Each structure stands twice: as structure tokens, then as C-alpha cells.
Amino acid sequence: MTVNKSGKLIAVAAKIISTIFHPILIPSLGVFIILNAGNSYLTLLSYKSKLIILSVICSGTLIIPLLFLPVYYYMNIVSTNDLRNRFERSFPLFITAIVYFSTFYFLRSTTIPKIIISFILASFVSVMINFFMNLFWKISSHMIGTGGILALIFILIFQYDNGLTGILLFSIIMSGMIASARLYLEAHTPAQIYTGFFLGFACVSLILIFSNRIL
């Protein structure tokens, strides 16, 4: 009985971790880190400017995709929130990619700092690759997001010599916890976990490094 109770507690903890660090939150979290962490000039922006930027990002990459969730249920496209079934993931991923690209396209016409625009572009590319890979094989969206956040922090440290060591260490620890949670819940295999992580890390790293040539 004690073993069963412990197993249930671990399962609950794994579900909480999976929910708190849901991949749909990653673009907003990444922009929040860009605006508030370290020593870059972006941290000197006024509170009002930061709030406006975060509002735009949250609207385009979080709120609007979430508004589609009831539609997915109504149309019987999905049956659960965690989208474990590979075939149920395709349409939501495609719609999310469209919304992300629309947000990126809008941002290009604004004066929002280029690194933020580049990060949203990287988020869009990550979702699109996830969508195409999902047609054949399911990979971990959670780990794509986790890899992307770690890549962003590394780039910020490299470009701005930011004091982000604490956040970097915390992110590495959380990456391990998220990966463990997804494995414990049997949502993914180890190969799907590793592939997702390296995909997210590679997408964000390459696009942020070469953003001057892309944008």
C-alpha cells in the first residue's frame, strides 16, 4: 500500500510538472527571461514597454492557441489535454504553427527588439518541424520547449555576458525533472525525449545566432 501511495504521489508530481512547464508557455517564458534577466540593455526598458511586449507575445502564442482548445473538443479532434495520441496532435500543432507565424509576421512590423522576434521565429520553426515529424513519429513537445529555453539562456550569456548562471543551473535541473516526468507518465520513450530536446536546442541556437542574416 505504501508503494502504491508513493507511486500515486510521484504520478501527481509528474503531472504537475508537465502542466506547469507546458510547451505552450515557452515563448512567453522565453521573452520574460529576455526582458528581465541579466545585464542586457533590454532589462532597462520601462515597465510599461515590457508589459506591452509581453502582452503581445502572450496574446499571440498563449491565449489565442488556448482559445482553440474548446473547438478541438467540439470537433472531436482531441480527447485529452495532453494529446498523447500522435494522430490527435497534428491539427493542433498545425494551427499553433499558423498562430506563431502570424505573431512573428506582426512583430516584424514593430520596433520590438530583434532577439525577441528571432525567438518567436525559432518557436514557429520548432512547432513546424514537430508537426512534420509527428506525421511519422511522435517526439516530446515538452522537451522541444525545454531545449529551446536552455539554448536561449546560453545565447544571452554569450551575447550579453549576462548574469544568468543561476537561471541556467535551474533550467538544467528542471530539464531533467521534466524529462523524468514525461518518462514516468509513459508519455514518451527516451529516444523521443532526447530528440525533442536537441531539436528545440538546435532550432533556437541556430536562428538566434544567424538572425542578422535571416531578418
Protein backbone atom coordinates (compact mmCIF):
# COMPACT_ATOMS: atom_id res chain seq x y z
CA MET A 1 0.00 0.00 0.00
CA THR A 2 2.88 2.37 0.84
CA VAL A 3 4.45 1.66 -2.53
CA ASN A 4 1.15 2.37 -4.29
CA LYS A 5 0.75 5.61 -2.36
CA SER A 6 4.27 6.69 -3.24
CA GLY A 7 3.64 5.84 -6.87
CA LYS A 8 0.47 7.94 -6.89
CA LEU A 9 2.30 10.90 -5.34
CA ILE A 10 5.05 10.66 -7.94
CA ALA A 11 2.46 10.48 -10.70
CA VAL A 12 0.72 13.59 -9.35
CA ALA A 13 4.05 15.41 -9.12
CA ALA A 14 4.90 14.38 -12.69
CA LYS A 15 1.54 15.69 -13.94
CA ILE A 16 2.02 18.98 -12.08
CA ILE A 17 5.48 19.44 -13.59
CA SER A 18 4.15 18.62 -17.05
CA THR A 19 1.35 21.17 -16.64
CA ILE A 20 3.44 23.99 -15.16
CA PHE A 21 6.08 23.64 -17.88
CA HIS A 22 3.68 23.02 -20.74
CA PRO A 23 5.33 23.84 -24.10
CA ILE A 24 2.69 26.43 -24.97
CA LEU A 25 4.10 28.62 -22.17
CA ILE A 26 7.65 28.56 -23.55
CA PRO A 27 7.50 31.60 -25.91
CA SER A 28 6.10 33.82 -23.15
CA LEU A 29 8.59 32.45 -20.61
CA GLY A 30 11.48 32.98 -23.00
CA VAL A 31 10.51 36.59 -23.71
CA PHE A 32 10.09 37.21 -19.97
CA ILE A 33 13.65 35.97 -19.44
CA ILE A 34 14.95 38.17 -22.26
CA LEU A 35 13.31 41.27 -20.78
CA ASN A 36 14.14 40.74 -17.12
CA ALA A 37 17.21 38.58 -16.62
CA GLY A 38 20.86 39.53 -16.74
CA ASN A 39 22.61 42.71 -17.77
CA SER A 40 21.47 43.38 -21.34
CA TYR A 41 20.05 46.72 -22.44
CA LEU A 42 16.61 45.10 -22.66
CA THR A 43 16.35 45.00 -18.88
CA LEU A 44 16.46 48.82 -18.93
CA LEU A 45 13.20 49.10 -20.82
CA SER A 46 10.39 50.73 -18.89
CA TYR A 47 7.86 48.59 -17.05
CA LYS A 48 5.17 49.79 -19.47
CA SER A 49 7.23 48.78 -22.51
CA LYS A 50 7.90 45.33 -21.06
CA LEU A 51 4.22 44.88 -20.24
CA ILE A 52 3.18 45.80 -23.78
CA ILE A 53 5.70 43.40 -25.31
CA LEU A 54 4.71 40.55 -23.00
CA SER A 55 1.02 41.22 -23.67
CA VAL A 56 1.56 40.96 -27.41
CA ILE A 57 3.59 37.75 -27.08
CA CYS A 58 1.15 36.14 -24.63
CA SER A 59 -1.81 37.02 -26.83
CA GLY A 60 -0.24 35.55 -29.95
CA THR A 61 1.46 32.46 -28.55
CA LEU A 62 -0.59 31.55 -25.48
CA ILE A 63 -4.10 32.98 -25.32
CA ILE A 64 -5.11 32.53 -28.96
CA PRO A 65 -3.86 28.89 -29.16
CA LEU A 66 -5.71 28.12 -25.91
CA LEU A 67 -8.93 29.57 -27.35
CA PHE A 68 -8.83 26.84 -29.98
CA LEU A 69 -8.90 24.07 -27.36
CA PRO A 70 -12.73 24.05 -26.92
CA VAL A 71 -13.03 23.95 -30.71
CA TYR A 72 -10.82 20.85 -30.85
CA TYR A 73 -13.04 19.15 -28.28
CA TYR A 74 -16.25 20.21 -30.01
CA MET A 75 -15.00 18.86 -33.34
CA ASN A 76 -13.75 15.65 -31.66
CA ILE A 77 -10.24 16.37 -32.87
CA VAL A 78 -8.74 15.71 -29.43
CA SER A 79 -9.86 13.60 -26.49
CA THR A 80 -7.38 14.67 -23.79
CA ASN A 81 -5.44 17.79 -22.83
CA ASP A 82 -2.03 16.14 -23.06
CA LEU A 83 -2.55 14.94 -26.67
CA ARG A 84 -0.88 11.58 -26.12
CA ASN A 85 -2.26 10.18 -29.34
CA ARG A 86 0.08 11.09 -32.20
CA PHE A 87 -2.80 11.45 -34.64
CA GLU A 88 -4.58 13.92 -32.34
CA ARG A 89 -1.51 16.17 -32.22
CA SER A 90 -1.24 17.02 -35.91
CA PHE A 91 -4.08 19.51 -36.31
CA PRO A 92 -3.39 21.45 -33.06
CA LEU A 93 0.31 21.63 -33.99
CA PHE A 94 -0.57 22.97 -37.43
CA ILE A 95 -2.93 25.62 -36.03
CA THR A 96 -0.36 26.60 -33.39
CA ALA A 97 2.27 26.99 -36.11
CA ILE A 98 -0.03 29.30 -38.08
CA VAL A 99 -0.69 31.43 -34.99
CA TYR A 100 3.02 31.58 -34.16
CA PHE A 101 3.89 32.62 -37.70
CA SER A 102 1.18 35.29 -37.65
CA THR A 103 2.65 36.63 -34.41
CA PHE A 104 6.14 36.64 -35.92
CA TYR A 105 4.89 38.39 -39.07
CA PHE A 106 3.19 41.06 -37.00
CA LEU A 107 6.27 41.58 -34.81
CA ARG A 108 8.42 42.25 -37.86
CA SER A 109 6.46 45.46 -38.48
CA THR A 110 7.08 46.73 -34.94
CA THR A 111 10.08 48.13 -33.08
CA ILE A 112 10.23 45.17 -30.69
CA PRO A 113 13.90 44.09 -30.20
CA LYS A 114 15.17 41.71 -32.87
CA ILE A 115 16.18 38.99 -30.42
CA ILE A 116 12.53 38.65 -29.34
CA ILE A 117 11.36 38.46 -32.95
CA SER A 118 14.05 35.85 -33.65
CA PHE A 119 12.96 33.78 -30.64
CA ILE A 120 9.35 33.76 -31.84
CA LEU A 121 10.57 32.74 -35.30
CA ALA A 122 12.53 29.90 -33.68
CA SER A 123 9.39 28.85 -31.79
CA PHE A 124 7.44 28.75 -35.06
CA VAL A 125 10.13 26.68 -36.80
CA SER A 126 10.25 24.27 -33.86
CA VAL A 127 6.49 23.73 -34.00
CA MET A 128 6.57 23.21 -37.77
CA ILE A 129 9.33 20.61 -37.52
CA ASN A 130 7.39 18.96 -34.72
CA PHE A 131 4.31 18.92 -36.94
CA PHE A 132 6.08 17.26 -39.88
CA MET A 133 7.89 14.74 -37.68
CA ASN A 134 4.62 13.91 -35.93
CA LEU A 135 3.26 12.64 -39.24
CA PHE A 136 5.66 9.72 -38.85
CA TRP A 137 6.88 9.67 -35.24
CA LYS A 138 5.87 11.40 -32.00
CA ILE A 139 8.51 13.46 -30.23
CA SER A 140 8.32 15.36 -26.95
CA SER A 141 6.94 18.88 -27.30
CA HIS A 142 7.83 19.49 -23.65
CA MET A 143 11.48 18.77 -24.36
CA ILE A 144 11.47 20.88 -27.52
CA GLY A 145 10.44 23.79 -25.32
CA THR A 146 12.96 22.93 -22.63
CA GLY A 147 15.79 22.67 -25.13
CA GLY A 148 14.74 25.99 -26.63
CA ILE A 149 14.81 27.78 -23.28
CA LEU A 150 18.27 26.41 -22.48
CA ALA A 151 19.54 27.49 -25.88
CA LEU A 152 18.10 30.97 -25.34
CA ILE A 153 19.86 31.31 -21.99
CA PHE A 154 23.17 30.16 -23.48
CA ILE A 155 22.83 32.71 -26.30
CA LEU A 156 22.00 35.52 -23.86
CA ILE A 157 25.07 34.65 -21.78
CA PHE A 158 27.25 34.55 -24.89
CA GLN A 159 25.95 37.77 -26.46
CA TYR A 160 25.44 39.98 -23.43
CA ASP A 161 27.65 38.38 -20.76
CA ASN A 162 24.50 38.17 -18.67
CA GLY A 163 24.45 37.14 -15.04
CA LEU A 164 22.25 34.17 -15.80
CA THR A 165 24.26 31.41 -14.14
CA GLY A 166 21.57 30.77 -11.52
CA ILE A 167 18.79 30.62 -14.11
CA LEU A 168 20.94 28.37 -16.29
CA LEU A 169 21.53 25.90 -13.46
CA PHE A 170 17.83 25.98 -12.52
CA SER A 171 16.84 25.35 -16.14
CA ILE A 172 19.20 22.38 -16.43
CA ILE A 173 17.74 20.85 -13.26
CA MET A 174 14.20 21.45 -14.48
CA SER A 175 15.05 19.91 -17.85
CA GLY A 176 15.97 16.71 -16.06
CA MET A 177 12.81 16.84 -13.96
CA ILE A 178 10.56 17.46 -16.98
CA ALA A 179 12.20 14.63 -18.90
CA SER A 180 11.79 12.31 -15.92
CA ALA A 181 8.15 13.34 -15.54
CA ARG A 182 7.33 12.61 -19.17
CA LEU A 183 9.08 9.25 -18.96
CA TYR A 184 7.35 8.34 -15.70
CA LEU A 185 3.96 9.16 -17.21
CA GLU A 186 4.91 6.98 -20.18
CA ALA A 187 4.10 9.87 -22.49
CA HIS A 188 7.32 9.32 -24.46
CA THR A 189 10.22 6.97 -24.97
CA PRO A 190 13.80 8.05 -24.14
CA ALA A 191 14.50 8.49 -27.86
CA GLN A 192 11.53 10.85 -28.21
CA ILE A 193 12.73 12.81 -25.18
CA TYR A 194 16.29 13.23 -26.47
CA THR A 195 15.15 14.05 -29.99
CA GLY A 196 12.77 16.74 -28.75
CA PHE A 197 15.40 18.33 -26.54
CA PHE A 198 18.10 18.52 -29.20
CA LEU A 199 15.61 19.72 -31.81
CA GLY A 200 14.50 22.61 -29.60
CA PHE A 201 18.06 23.47 -28.64
CA ALA A 202 19.27 23.40 -32.25
CA CYS A 203 16.38 25.48 -33.65
CA VAL A 204 16.70 28.29 -31.13
CA SER A 205 20.51 28.31 -31.21
CA LEU A 206 20.82 28.44 -35.00
CA ILE A 207 18.10 31.01 -35.58
CA LEU A 208 19.30 33.37 -32.83
CA ILE A 209 22.92 33.07 -33.98
CA PHE A 210 22.09 33.74 -37.63
CA SER A 211 19.16 36.12 -37.05
CA ASN A 212 21.00 39.06 -38.60
CA ARG A 213 21.04 37.21 -41.90
CA ILE A 214 17.50 35.88 -41.59
CA LEU A 215 15.66 39.06 -40.57
